[in-house]
Amino acid sequence: MTIFDVLRYTLSKLLKWIIVGLVFSLIIGGLAYLFIPKKYMVTSKVSIASANYTSTQTLSIQKLVSGRPVIELVTDQLKNSSEFSSDADEVASIVGASVETGTQNVVINTTSTNPRLAVKVNQLVLNNLLKVSGNYVPGVPLLIYSKPKLNANFVYPNMKSEALAGFILGMVIAILVSVKHDFFSQTVKSEMALRIRLQLDSLGSVKLKKR
């Protein structure tokens, strides 16, 4: 038995683990795609139209995006819509905001399994934010930096993460099965496995006819 025999045996095992990992990756990724409700995100931006803005003002605008004044206005407008009707808690759960680092831009995002609702809510949040911001953050003029835009792909579930989790799970299962198969079994599975376990070279083999 040489180092090449051990290496060849190890590589064959590794190849089997990778194949099992890929199979699990496809299975888990496919199940996630088919059965997990997909969420779509819409984003828009507002910008403070002043060079003398402060970080406190920017954070105040960010909080106002998902604050009660804006959310209640959006909810009331949705109730008057024939297509959508949502309560304040539901609207608040799909609305978020963030500040672009080093800028006076506030990003408004709405995430929902219904992309049309996400677009509608984002547009209403944007309109009402411009309407009421002067009352709650005085002296901070706002302008629309970019209008609501629907992302081309859904943002949840993350198919890359699901596929990676499936691959890792498949590899772990394959390794555990191989360990049980090779190290805890009392039967001879293959000539190579026997040679490695006994650390002996094979001088020959006898073929037996199956009955």
N, C-alpha and C. Protein backbone atom coordinates (compact mmCIF):
# COMPACT_ATOMS: atom_id res chain seq x y z
N MET A 1 0.84 -1.19 0.00
CA MET A 1 0.00 0.00 0.00
C MET A 1 0.88 1.24 0.00
N THR A 2 0.62 2.18 -0.89
CA THR A 2 1.42 3.39 -1.00
C THR A 2 0.57 4.61 -0.63
N ILE A 3 1.26 5.74 -0.53
CA ILE A 3 0.58 6.99 -0.23
C ILE A 3 -0.41 7.35 -1.33
N PHE A 4 -0.11 6.89 -2.55
CA PHE A 4 -1.01 7.18 -3.68
C PHE A 4 -2.32 6.41 -3.53
N ASP A 5 -2.23 5.20 -2.98
CA ASP A 5 -3.46 4.43 -2.74
C ASP A 5 -4.36 5.15 -1.73
N VAL A 6 -3.75 5.62 -0.66
CA VAL A 6 -4.52 6.35 0.36
C VAL A 6 -5.10 7.64 -0.21
N LEU A 7 -4.29 8.34 -1.00
CA LEU A 7 -4.74 9.59 -1.59
C LEU A 7 -5.90 9.34 -2.56
N ARG A 8 -5.77 8.30 -3.37
CA ARG A 8 -6.83 7.98 -4.33
C ARG A 8 -8.13 7.60 -3.61
N TYR A 9 -7.99 6.85 -2.54
CA TYR A 9 -9.17 6.45 -1.75
C TYR A 9 -9.83 7.68 -1.10
N THR A 10 -8.99 8.57 -0.55
CA THR A 10 -9.51 9.79 0.10
C THR A 10 -10.21 10.69 -0.91
N LEU A 11 -9.63 10.85 -2.09
CA LEU A 11 -10.23 11.68 -3.13
C LEU A 11 -11.57 11.13 -3.60
N SER A 12 -11.64 9.79 -3.67
CA SER A 12 -12.92 9.18 -4.07
C SER A 12 -14.01 9.46 -3.04
N LYS A 13 -13.62 9.41 -1.75
CA LYS A 13 -14.56 9.74 -0.68
C LYS A 13 -14.98 11.21 -0.76
N LEU A 14 -14.00 12.08 -0.98
CA LEU A 14 -14.28 13.51 -1.07
C LEU A 14 -15.23 13.81 -2.21
N LEU A 15 -15.04 13.14 -3.33
CA LEU A 15 -15.91 13.34 -4.48
C LEU A 15 -17.35 12.93 -4.15
N LYS A 16 -17.50 11.83 -3.42
CA LYS A 16 -18.84 11.38 -3.02
C LYS A 16 -19.49 12.39 -2.08
N TRP A 17 -18.70 12.94 -1.16
CA TRP A 17 -19.23 13.94 -0.23
C TRP A 17 -19.72 15.17 -0.98
N ILE A 18 -18.91 15.60 -1.95
CA ILE A 18 -19.28 16.79 -2.72
C ILE A 18 -20.57 16.55 -3.52
N ILE A 19 -20.67 15.35 -4.11
CA ILE A 19 -21.87 15.03 -4.89
C ILE A 19 -23.11 15.03 -4.00
N VAL A 20 -22.99 14.41 -2.82
CA VAL A 20 -24.12 14.40 -1.88
C VAL A 20 -24.46 15.83 -1.44
N GLY A 21 -23.42 16.64 -1.20
CA GLY A 21 -23.64 18.04 -0.82
C GLY A 21 -24.38 18.81 -1.90
N LEU A 22 -24.01 18.60 -3.15
CA LEU A 22 -24.68 19.27 -4.26
C LEU A 22 -26.13 18.82 -4.38
N VAL A 23 -26.38 17.54 -4.17
CA VAL A 23 -27.75 17.03 -4.23
C VAL A 23 -28.61 17.69 -3.16
N PHE A 24 -28.10 17.75 -1.92
CA PHE A 24 -28.83 18.40 -0.84
C PHE A 24 -29.02 19.89 -1.12
N SER A 25 -28.02 20.51 -1.73
CA SER A 25 -28.12 21.92 -2.07
C SER A 25 -29.28 22.16 -3.03
N LEU A 26 -29.40 21.32 -4.03
CA LEU A 26 -30.50 21.44 -4.99
C LEU A 26 -31.84 21.17 -4.33
N ILE A 27 -31.89 20.16 -3.45
CA ILE A 27 -33.15 19.80 -2.80
C ILE A 27 -33.63 20.93 -1.89
N ILE A 28 -32.76 21.41 -1.00
CA ILE A 28 -33.16 22.45 -0.06
C ILE A 28 -33.43 23.76 -0.77
N GLY A 29 -32.60 24.11 -1.75
CA GLY A 29 -32.85 25.31 -2.53
C GLY A 29 -34.16 25.24 -3.28
N GLY A 30 -34.46 24.08 -3.86
CA GLY A 30 -35.72 23.91 -4.58
C GLY A 30 -36.93 24.00 -3.67
N LEU A 31 -36.83 23.37 -2.49
CA LEU A 31 -37.94 23.43 -1.53
C LEU A 31 -38.17 24.86 -1.04
N ALA A 32 -37.07 25.58 -0.81
CA ALA A 32 -37.19 26.97 -0.37
C ALA A 32 -37.86 27.81 -1.44
N TYR A 33 -37.49 27.58 -2.68
CA TYR A 33 -38.06 28.36 -3.79
C TYR A 33 -39.55 28.05 -3.97
N LEU A 34 -39.93 26.79 -3.76
CA LEU A 34 -41.30 26.40 -4.01
C LEU A 34 -42.25 26.73 -2.86
N PHE A 35 -41.77 26.61 -1.62
CA PHE A 35 -42.70 26.64 -0.50
C PHE A 35 -42.56 27.86 0.43
N ILE A 36 -41.43 28.55 0.41
CA ILE A 36 -41.29 29.73 1.25
C ILE A 36 -41.82 30.95 0.50
N PRO A 37 -42.77 31.69 1.10
CA PRO A 37 -43.31 32.88 0.42
C PRO A 37 -42.20 33.87 0.09
N LYS A 38 -42.20 34.34 -1.13
CA LYS A 38 -41.15 35.25 -1.59
C LYS A 38 -41.51 36.69 -1.24
N LYS A 39 -40.51 37.43 -0.76
CA LYS A 39 -40.72 38.82 -0.42
C LYS A 39 -39.96 39.72 -1.41
N TYR A 40 -40.62 40.77 -1.83
CA TYR A 40 -40.04 41.71 -2.78
C TYR A 40 -39.81 43.05 -2.10
N MET A 41 -38.76 43.75 -2.51
CA MET A 41 -38.42 45.02 -1.89
C MET A 41 -38.50 46.16 -2.90
N VAL A 42 -39.05 47.27 -2.43
CA VAL A 42 -39.10 48.51 -3.22
C VAL A 42 -38.31 49.56 -2.46
N THR A 43 -37.48 50.31 -3.15
CA THR A 43 -36.67 51.34 -2.50
C THR A 43 -36.87 52.69 -3.18
N SER A 44 -36.79 53.73 -2.39
CA SER A 44 -36.77 55.11 -2.90
C SER A 44 -35.89 55.91 -1.96
N LYS A 45 -35.53 57.12 -2.37
CA LYS A 45 -34.65 57.95 -1.55
C LYS A 45 -35.16 59.38 -1.47
N VAL A 46 -35.00 59.97 -0.29
CA VAL A 46 -35.19 61.41 -0.13
C VAL A 46 -33.87 61.99 0.35
N SER A 47 -33.65 63.24 0.02
CA SER A 47 -32.40 63.88 0.39
C SER A 47 -32.69 65.22 1.05
N ILE A 48 -31.92 65.54 2.06
CA ILE A 48 -32.04 66.85 2.70
C ILE A 48 -31.44 67.90 1.78
N ALA A 49 -32.28 68.85 1.36
CA ALA A 49 -31.85 69.84 0.37
C ALA A 49 -31.17 71.02 1.05
N SER A 50 -30.14 70.72 1.81
CA SER A 50 -29.40 71.77 2.50
C SER A 50 -27.99 71.27 2.77
N ALA A 51 -27.04 72.15 2.56
CA ALA A 51 -25.64 71.76 2.80
C ALA A 51 -25.30 71.80 4.28
N ASN A 52 -26.17 72.41 5.08
CA ASN A 52 -25.90 72.57 6.51
C ASN A 52 -26.66 71.57 7.36
N TYR A 53 -26.91 70.41 6.80
CA TYR A 53 -27.65 69.40 7.55
C TYR A 53 -26.77 68.80 8.64
N THR A 54 -27.44 68.22 9.65
CA THR A 54 -26.71 67.54 10.73
C THR A 54 -27.14 66.08 10.76
N SER A 55 -26.32 65.26 11.38
CA SER A 55 -26.65 63.84 11.47
C SER A 55 -27.92 63.62 12.28
N THR A 56 -28.16 64.50 13.26
CA THR A 56 -29.37 64.40 14.07
C THR A 56 -30.62 64.61 13.21
N GLN A 57 -30.55 65.58 12.32
CA GLN A 57 -31.68 65.83 11.42
C GLN A 57 -31.92 64.64 10.51
N THR A 58 -30.86 64.08 10.00
CA THR A 58 -30.99 62.92 9.11
C THR A 58 -31.62 61.74 9.84
N LEU A 59 -31.18 61.50 11.06
CA LEU A 59 -31.75 60.41 11.86
C LEU A 59 -33.21 60.68 12.19
N SER A 60 -33.56 61.94 12.40
CA SER A 60 -34.96 62.29 12.68
C SER A 60 -35.84 61.99 11.47
N ILE A 61 -35.36 62.28 10.29
CA ILE A 61 -36.10 61.96 9.07
C ILE A 61 -36.23 60.44 8.92
N GLN A 62 -35.16 59.73 9.22
CA GLN A 62 -35.19 58.26 9.15
C GLN A 62 -36.28 57.70 10.07
N LYS A 63 -36.33 58.20 11.31
CA LYS A 63 -37.34 57.71 12.25
C LYS A 63 -38.75 58.09 11.82
N LEU A 64 -38.88 59.27 11.21
CA LEU A 64 -40.20 59.73 10.78
C LEU A 64 -40.78 58.86 9.68
N VAL A 65 -39.91 58.25 8.87
CA VAL A 65 -40.38 57.39 7.77
C VAL A 65 -41.32 56.31 8.29
N SER A 66 -40.93 55.63 9.37
CA SER A 66 -41.77 54.57 9.93
C SER A 66 -42.45 55.01 11.23
N GLY A 67 -42.49 56.35 11.43
CA GLY A 67 -43.14 56.88 12.62
C GLY A 67 -44.65 56.91 12.49
N ARG A 68 -45.31 57.16 13.59
CA ARG A 68 -46.77 57.10 13.65
C ARG A 68 -47.46 58.08 12.69
N PRO A 69 -47.00 59.35 12.61
CA PRO A 69 -47.69 60.30 11.73
C PRO A 69 -47.77 59.82 10.27
N VAL A 70 -46.64 59.35 9.75
CA VAL A 70 -46.60 58.90 8.36
C VAL A 70 -47.38 57.60 8.19
N ILE A 71 -47.19 56.65 9.08
CA ILE A 71 -47.84 55.35 8.98
C ILE A 71 -49.36 55.49 9.04
N GLU A 72 -49.87 56.36 9.92
CA GLU A 72 -51.33 56.54 10.03
C GLU A 72 -51.91 57.16 8.77
N LEU A 73 -51.20 58.12 8.19
CA LEU A 73 -51.66 58.71 6.93
C LEU A 73 -51.70 57.67 5.82
N VAL A 74 -50.65 56.87 5.73
CA VAL A 74 -50.59 55.82 4.70
C VAL A 74 -51.72 54.81 4.90
N THR A 75 -51.96 54.41 6.15
CA THR A 75 -53.02 53.44 6.45
C THR A 75 -54.38 53.98 6.04
N ASP A 76 -54.65 55.24 6.35
CA ASP A 76 -55.93 55.84 5.97
C ASP A 76 -56.11 55.88 4.46
N GLN A 77 -55.05 56.17 3.75
CA GLN A 77 -55.12 56.24 2.29
C GLN A 77 -55.31 54.86 1.68
N LEU A 78 -54.71 53.85 2.31
CA LEU A 78 -54.90 52.48 1.82
C LEU A 78 -56.34 52.01 2.04
N LYS A 79 -56.95 52.45 3.14
CA LYS A 79 -58.34 52.06 3.41
C LYS A 79 -59.29 52.60 2.37
N ASN A 80 -58.92 53.71 1.78
CA ASN A 80 -59.75 54.31 0.73
C ASN A 80 -59.45 53.72 -0.64
N SER A 81 -58.48 52.82 -0.68
CA SER A 81 -58.11 52.19 -1.95
C SER A 81 -58.95 50.93 -2.16
N SER A 82 -59.38 50.73 -3.36
CA SER A 82 -60.19 49.54 -3.67
C SER A 82 -59.33 48.29 -3.80
N GLU A 83 -58.02 48.47 -3.99
CA GLU A 83 -57.13 47.33 -4.23
C GLU A 83 -56.48 46.83 -2.95
N PHE A 84 -56.12 47.75 -2.05
CA PHE A 84 -55.40 47.37 -0.85
C PHE A 84 -56.11 47.89 0.39
N SER A 85 -55.99 47.15 1.47
CA SER A 85 -56.52 47.59 2.75
C SER A 85 -55.68 46.95 3.85
N SER A 86 -54.94 47.76 4.60
CA SER A 86 -54.05 47.24 5.63
C SER A 86 -54.18 48.10 6.89
N ASP A 87 -53.99 47.46 8.06
CA ASP A 87 -54.02 48.25 9.29
C ASP A 87 -52.64 48.84 9.55
N ALA A 88 -52.56 49.70 10.58
CA ALA A 88 -51.31 50.42 10.85
C ALA A 88 -50.17 49.48 11.20
N ASP A 89 -50.46 48.42 11.95
CA ASP A 89 -49.40 47.48 12.34
C ASP A 89 -48.82 46.78 11.12
N GLU A 90 -49.69 46.39 10.19
CA GLU A 90 -49.21 45.70 8.99
C GLU A 90 -48.37 46.63 8.14
N VAL A 91 -48.81 47.88 7.99
CA VAL A 91 -48.04 48.85 7.21
C VAL A 91 -46.68 49.10 7.86
N ALA A 92 -46.69 49.28 9.18
CA ALA A 92 -45.43 49.54 9.88
C ALA A 92 -44.46 48.38 9.76
N SER A 93 -44.99 47.15 9.67
CA SER A 93 -44.12 45.96 9.61
C SER A 93 -43.39 45.84 8.28
N ILE A 94 -43.89 46.49 7.23
CA ILE A 94 -43.23 46.34 5.93
C ILE A 94 -42.43 47.58 5.54
N VAL A 95 -42.45 48.62 6.39
CA VAL A 95 -41.75 49.87 6.08
C VAL A 95 -40.47 49.97 6.90
N GLY A 96 -39.41 50.37 6.26
CA GLY A 96 -38.14 50.58 6.96
C GLY A 96 -37.39 51.74 6.33
N ALA A 97 -36.32 52.16 6.98
CA ALA A 97 -35.51 53.26 6.45
C ALA A 97 -34.09 53.12 6.94
N SER A 98 -33.18 53.65 6.15
CA SER A 98 -31.76 53.66 6.52
C SER A 98 -31.11 54.92 5.96
N VAL A 99 -29.97 55.27 6.51
CA VAL A 99 -29.24 56.46 6.06
C VAL A 99 -28.00 56.01 5.30
N GLU A 100 -27.82 56.54 4.11
CA GLU A 100 -26.62 56.23 3.34
C GLU A 100 -25.42 56.88 4.04
N THR A 101 -24.43 56.07 4.31
CA THR A 101 -23.26 56.54 5.06
C THR A 101 -22.59 57.73 4.37
N GLY A 102 -22.38 58.79 5.15
CA GLY A 102 -21.67 59.94 4.64
C GLY A 102 -22.48 60.86 3.75
N THR A 103 -23.79 60.64 3.66
CA THR A 103 -24.64 61.48 2.82
C THR A 103 -25.84 61.97 3.62
N GLN A 104 -26.62 62.85 3.00
CA GLN A 104 -27.87 63.30 3.60
C GLN A 104 -29.07 62.57 3.01
N ASN A 105 -28.80 61.40 2.41
CA ASN A 105 -29.85 60.62 1.77
C ASN A 105 -30.45 59.60 2.74
N VAL A 106 -31.77 59.56 2.79
CA VAL A 106 -32.49 58.56 3.57
C VAL A 106 -33.17 57.60 2.61
N VAL A 107 -32.86 56.31 2.75
CA VAL A 107 -33.42 55.27 1.87
C VAL A 107 -34.68 54.71 2.50
N ILE A 108 -35.78 54.76 1.77
CA ILE A 108 -37.05 54.19 2.22
C ILE A 108 -37.20 52.83 1.57
N ASN A 109 -37.45 51.79 2.36
CA ASN A 109 -37.66 50.47 1.76
C ASN A 109 -38.94 49.86 2.30
N THR A 110 -39.67 49.21 1.42
CA THR A 110 -40.88 48.47 1.80
C THR A 110 -40.75 47.06 1.26
N THR A 111 -41.01 46.10 2.12
CA THR A 111 -40.83 44.69 1.76
C THR A 111 -42.13 43.94 1.99
N SER A 112 -42.59 43.22 0.97
CA SER A 112 -43.86 42.50 1.08
C SER A 112 -43.87 41.33 0.10
N THR A 113 -44.71 40.34 0.42
CA THR A 113 -44.91 39.24 -0.52
C THR A 113 -45.73 39.69 -1.72
N ASN A 114 -46.37 40.84 -1.60
CA ASN A 114 -47.14 41.42 -2.70
C ASN A 114 -46.36 42.61 -3.25
N PRO A 115 -45.72 42.47 -4.41
CA PRO A 115 -44.88 43.55 -4.93
C PRO A 115 -45.67 44.82 -5.25
N ARG A 116 -46.94 44.67 -5.66
CA ARG A 116 -47.76 45.85 -5.97
C ARG A 116 -48.05 46.65 -4.70
N LEU A 117 -48.29 45.92 -3.59
CA LEU A 117 -48.51 46.60 -2.31
C LEU A 117 -47.24 47.31 -1.86
N ALA A 118 -46.09 46.68 -2.06
CA ALA A 118 -44.82 47.29 -1.67
C ALA A 118 -44.59 48.60 -2.43
N VAL A 119 -44.90 48.60 -3.72
CA VAL A 119 -44.74 49.82 -4.53
C VAL A 119 -45.69 50.91 -4.05
N LYS A 120 -46.96 50.50 -3.82
CA LYS A 120 -47.98 51.46 -3.39
C LYS A 120 -47.62 52.09 -2.06
N VAL A 121 -47.25 51.29 -1.07
CA VAL A 121 -46.92 51.79 0.25
C VAL A 121 -45.69 52.69 0.20
N ASN A 122 -44.70 52.30 -0.59
CA ASN A 122 -43.49 53.11 -0.70
C ASN A 122 -43.83 54.49 -1.26
N GLN A 123 -44.67 54.52 -2.28
CA GLN A 123 -45.05 55.80 -2.88
C GLN A 123 -45.81 56.68 -1.89
N LEU A 124 -46.73 56.06 -1.12
CA LEU A 124 -47.50 56.81 -0.14
C LEU A 124 -46.61 57.32 1.00
N VAL A 125 -45.68 56.48 1.46
CA VAL A 125 -44.74 56.91 2.50
C VAL A 125 -43.92 58.10 2.02
N LEU A 126 -43.45 58.02 0.80
CA LEU A 126 -42.65 59.10 0.23
C LEU A 126 -43.45 60.39 0.16
N ASN A 127 -44.67 60.32 -0.34
CA ASN A 127 -45.51 61.51 -0.48
C ASN A 127 -45.83 62.13 0.88
N ASN A 128 -46.21 61.29 1.84
CA ASN A 128 -46.60 61.81 3.15
C ASN A 128 -45.40 62.31 3.95
N LEU A 129 -44.24 61.71 3.74
CA LEU A 129 -43.03 62.18 4.41
C LEU A 129 -42.72 63.61 3.98
N LEU A 130 -42.83 63.87 2.68
CA LEU A 130 -42.58 65.22 2.18
C LEU A 130 -43.62 66.20 2.72
N LYS A 131 -44.82 65.70 2.95
CA LYS A 131 -45.92 66.55 3.40
C LYS A 131 -45.77 66.95 4.86
N VAL A 132 -45.36 66.02 5.73
CA VAL A 132 -45.38 66.29 7.18
C VAL A 132 -44.01 66.55 7.78
N SER A 133 -42.95 66.37 7.03
CA SER A 133 -41.61 66.49 7.62
C SER A 133 -41.37 67.87 8.20
N GLY A 134 -41.93 68.92 7.58
CA GLY A 134 -41.74 70.28 8.08
C GLY A 134 -42.34 70.49 9.46
N ASN A 135 -43.37 69.71 9.80
CA ASN A 135 -44.01 69.85 11.10
C ASN A 135 -43.21 69.17 12.22
N TYR A 136 -42.52 68.09 11.88
CA TYR A 136 -41.84 67.30 12.91
C TYR A 136 -40.33 67.52 12.91
N VAL A 137 -39.77 67.88 11.77
CA VAL A 137 -38.34 68.22 11.70
C VAL A 137 -38.24 69.56 10.98
N PRO A 138 -38.56 70.65 11.67
CA PRO A 138 -38.62 71.96 11.01
C PRO A 138 -37.26 72.42 10.50
N GLY A 139 -37.32 73.17 9.42
CA GLY A 139 -36.11 73.75 8.85
C GLY A 139 -35.25 72.77 8.08
N VAL A 140 -35.83 71.61 7.75
CA VAL A 140 -35.08 70.60 6.98
C VAL A 140 -35.85 70.30 5.68
N PRO A 141 -35.55 71.04 4.62
CA PRO A 141 -36.26 70.79 3.35
C PRO A 141 -35.84 69.46 2.73
N LEU A 142 -36.81 68.77 2.17
CA LEU A 142 -36.54 67.47 1.55
C LEU A 142 -36.85 67.52 0.06
N LEU A 143 -36.13 66.72 -0.70
CA LEU A 143 -36.44 66.54 -2.12
C LEU A 143 -36.31 65.07 -2.46
N ILE A 144 -37.00 64.67 -3.51
CA ILE A 144 -36.97 63.27 -3.94
C ILE A 144 -35.67 63.01 -4.68
N TYR A 145 -34.88 62.09 -4.16
CA TYR A 145 -33.62 61.71 -4.80
C TYR A 145 -33.87 60.65 -5.85
N SER A 146 -34.69 59.67 -5.52
CA SER A 146 -35.09 58.65 -6.50
C SER A 146 -36.48 58.14 -6.15
N LYS A 147 -37.28 57.86 -7.15
CA LYS A 147 -38.65 57.40 -6.95
C LYS A 147 -38.67 55.91 -6.63
N PRO A 148 -39.80 55.40 -6.14
CA PRO A 148 -39.88 53.97 -5.78
C PRO A 148 -39.53 53.07 -6.96
N LYS A 149 -38.67 52.11 -6.67
CA LYS A 149 -38.22 51.18 -7.70
C LYS A 149 -38.25 49.76 -7.14
N LEU A 150 -38.90 48.87 -7.86
CA LEU A 150 -39.00 47.47 -7.44
C LEU A 150 -37.75 46.71 -7.85
N ASN A 151 -37.14 46.02 -6.89
CA ASN A 151 -35.98 45.18 -7.22
C ASN A 151 -36.39 44.09 -8.18
N ALA A 152 -35.50 43.76 -9.10
CA ALA A 152 -35.82 42.77 -10.13
C ALA A 152 -36.06 41.39 -9.53
N ASN A 153 -35.34 41.04 -8.47
CA ASN A 153 -35.45 39.72 -7.86
C ASN A 153 -36.00 39.84 -6.44
N PHE A 154 -36.62 38.77 -5.99
CA PHE A 154 -37.10 38.77 -4.61
C PHE A 154 -35.92 38.75 -3.65
N VAL A 155 -36.14 39.32 -2.46
CA VAL A 155 -35.05 39.45 -1.49
C VAL A 155 -35.11 38.36 -0.42
N TYR A 156 -36.20 37.62 -0.36
CA TYR A 156 -36.33 36.53 0.60
C TYR A 156 -37.21 35.45 -0.02
N PRO A 157 -36.84 34.18 0.11
CA PRO A 157 -35.62 33.68 0.76
C PRO A 157 -34.37 33.95 -0.07
N ASN A 158 -33.24 34.00 0.61
CA ASN A 158 -31.96 34.18 -0.05
C ASN A 158 -31.51 32.83 -0.59
N MET A 159 -31.61 32.65 -1.90
CA MET A 159 -31.36 31.34 -2.49
C MET A 159 -29.90 30.91 -2.34
N LYS A 160 -28.97 31.88 -2.33
CA LYS A 160 -27.57 31.52 -2.15
C LYS A 160 -27.34 30.93 -0.76
N SER A 161 -27.97 31.55 0.24
CA SER A 161 -27.82 31.06 1.62
C SER A 161 -28.47 29.69 1.77
N GLU A 162 -29.65 29.52 1.17
CA GLU A 162 -30.35 28.24 1.27
C GLU A 162 -29.53 27.13 0.59
N ALA A 163 -29.00 27.44 -0.60
CA ALA A 163 -28.21 26.44 -1.32
C ALA A 163 -26.93 26.10 -0.55
N LEU A 164 -26.29 27.11 0.04
CA LEU A 164 -25.06 26.87 0.82
C LEU A 164 -25.37 26.02 2.04
N ALA A 165 -26.49 26.33 2.73
CA ALA A 165 -26.89 25.54 3.90
C ALA A 165 -27.15 24.09 3.50
N GLY A 166 -27.80 23.89 2.35
CA GLY A 166 -28.05 22.54 1.87
C GLY A 166 -26.77 21.80 1.55
N PHE A 167 -25.80 22.51 0.94
CA PHE A 167 -24.52 21.88 0.60
C PHE A 167 -23.78 21.45 1.86
N ILE A 168 -23.74 22.34 2.85
CA ILE A 168 -23.05 22.02 4.10
C ILE A 168 -23.73 20.86 4.81
N LEU A 169 -25.07 20.88 4.85
CA LEU A 169 -25.82 19.80 5.48
C LEU A 169 -25.54 18.47 4.77
N GLY A 170 -25.55 18.50 3.45
CA GLY A 170 -25.28 17.28 2.69
C GLY A 170 -23.88 16.75 2.94
N MET A 171 -22.89 17.65 3.00
CA MET A 171 -21.52 17.24 3.27
C MET A 171 -21.40 16.60 4.66
N VAL A 172 -22.03 17.24 5.65
CA VAL A 172 -21.96 16.71 7.02
C VAL A 172 -22.58 15.33 7.09
N ILE A 173 -23.76 15.17 6.48
CA ILE A 173 -24.43 13.87 6.49
C ILE A 173 -23.58 12.82 5.78
N ALA A 174 -23.01 13.19 4.64
CA ALA A 174 -22.18 12.25 3.89
C ALA A 174 -20.95 11.84 4.69
N ILE A 175 -20.34 12.79 5.40
CA ILE A 175 -19.16 12.48 6.20
C ILE A 175 -19.52 11.55 7.35
N LEU A 176 -20.64 11.84 8.03
CA LEU A 176 -21.07 10.99 9.15
C LEU A 176 -21.38 9.58 8.68
N VAL A 177 -22.07 9.48 7.54
CA VAL A 177 -22.38 8.15 7.00
C VAL A 177 -21.10 7.41 6.62
N SER A 178 -20.14 8.14 6.05
CA SER A 178 -18.87 7.51 5.65
C SER A 178 -18.09 7.03 6.87
N VAL A 179 -18.09 7.85 7.92
CA VAL A 179 -17.39 7.45 9.15
C VAL A 179 -18.01 6.19 9.72
N LYS A 180 -19.33 6.16 9.78
CA LYS A 180 -20.02 4.97 10.29
C LYS A 180 -19.76 3.77 9.38
N HIS A 181 -19.77 4.03 8.09
CA HIS A 181 -19.60 2.97 7.10
C HIS A 181 -18.18 2.39 7.15
N ASP A 182 -17.18 3.26 7.33
CA ASP A 182 -15.79 2.81 7.21
C ASP A 182 -15.16 2.40 8.54
N PHE A 183 -15.52 3.09 9.62
CA PHE A 183 -14.80 2.89 10.87
C PHE A 183 -15.56 2.09 11.93
N PHE A 184 -16.88 2.00 11.78
CA PHE A 184 -17.65 1.27 12.79
C PHE A 184 -18.30 0.01 12.24
N SER A 185 -18.09 -0.25 10.97
CA SER A 185 -18.65 -1.45 10.38
C SER A 185 -17.68 -2.62 10.57
N GLN A 186 -18.23 -3.80 10.79
CA GLN A 186 -17.42 -5.00 10.98
C GLN A 186 -17.32 -5.83 9.71
N THR A 187 -17.87 -5.34 8.63
CA THR A 187 -17.84 -6.07 7.37
C THR A 187 -16.89 -5.40 6.39
N VAL A 188 -16.38 -6.15 5.46
CA VAL A 188 -15.46 -5.64 4.44
C VAL A 188 -16.27 -5.02 3.32
N LYS A 189 -16.07 -3.74 3.11
CA LYS A 189 -16.82 -3.04 2.08
C LYS A 189 -16.09 -3.02 0.73
N SER A 190 -14.79 -2.92 0.80
CA SER A 190 -14.01 -2.89 -0.44
C SER A 190 -12.57 -3.32 -0.14
N GLU A 191 -11.89 -3.71 -1.18
CA GLU A 191 -10.50 -4.12 -1.02
C GLU A 191 -9.63 -2.97 -0.54
N MET A 192 -9.89 -1.76 -1.07
CA MET A 192 -9.09 -0.61 -0.69
C MET A 192 -9.28 -0.27 0.78
N ALA A 193 -10.52 -0.33 1.25
CA ALA A 193 -10.78 -0.02 2.66
C ALA A 193 -10.08 -1.02 3.57
N LEU A 194 -10.09 -2.29 3.17
CA LEU A 194 -9.43 -3.32 3.96
C LEU A 194 -7.92 -3.10 3.98
N ARG A 195 -7.34 -2.75 2.85
CA ARG A 195 -5.90 -2.51 2.78
C ARG A 195 -5.49 -1.35 3.66
N ILE A 196 -6.32 -0.28 3.67
CA ILE A 196 -5.99 0.89 4.49
C ILE A 196 -6.12 0.56 5.97
N ARG A 197 -7.17 -0.17 6.33
CA ARG A 197 -7.39 -0.50 7.75
C ARG A 197 -6.29 -1.41 8.27
N LEU A 198 -5.90 -2.43 7.49
CA LEU A 198 -4.89 -3.38 7.94
C LEU A 198 -3.47 -2.91 7.63
N GLN A 199 -3.38 -1.86 6.80
CA GLN A 199 -2.08 -1.34 6.38
C GLN A 199 -1.23 -2.44 5.74
N LEU A 200 -1.88 -3.22 4.89
CA LEU A 200 -1.22 -4.31 4.17
C LEU A 200 -1.49 -4.19 2.69
N ASP A 201 -0.58 -4.72 1.90
CA ASP A 201 -0.79 -4.77 0.46
C ASP A 201 -1.58 -6.03 0.11
N SER A 202 -2.38 -5.91 -0.93
CA SER A 202 -3.16 -7.06 -1.39
C SER A 202 -2.33 -7.85 -2.41
N LEU A 203 -2.20 -9.15 -2.15
CA LEU A 203 -1.44 -10.00 -3.06
C LEU A 203 -2.32 -10.61 -4.14
N GLY A 204 -3.63 -10.59 -3.93
CA GLY A 204 -4.54 -11.16 -4.91
C GLY A 204 -5.95 -11.21 -4.36
N SER A 205 -6.87 -11.64 -5.17
CA SER A 205 -8.25 -11.74 -4.74
C SER A 205 -8.89 -12.94 -5.40
N VAL A 206 -9.92 -13.44 -4.77
CA VAL A 206 -10.65 -14.58 -5.29
C VAL A 206 -12.08 -14.16 -5.57
N LYS A 207 -12.51 -14.32 -6.80
CA LYS A 207 -13.87 -13.95 -7.17
C LYS A 207 -14.81 -15.09 -6.86
N LEU A 208 -15.88 -14.78 -6.17
CA LEU A 208 -16.88 -15.77 -5.85
C LEU A 208 -18.13 -15.57 -6.69
N LYS A 209 -18.68 -16.65 -7.18
CA LYS A 209 -19.90 -16.57 -7.96
C LYS A 209 -21.09 -16.35 -7.04
N LYS A 210 -21.95 -15.42 -7.43
CA LYS A 210 -23.15 -15.18 -6.65
C LYS A 210 -24.17 -16.27 -6.91
N ARG A 211 -24.73 -16.78 -5.85
CA ARG A 211 -25.76 -17.81 -6.02
C ARG A 211 -27.09 -17.18 -6.32
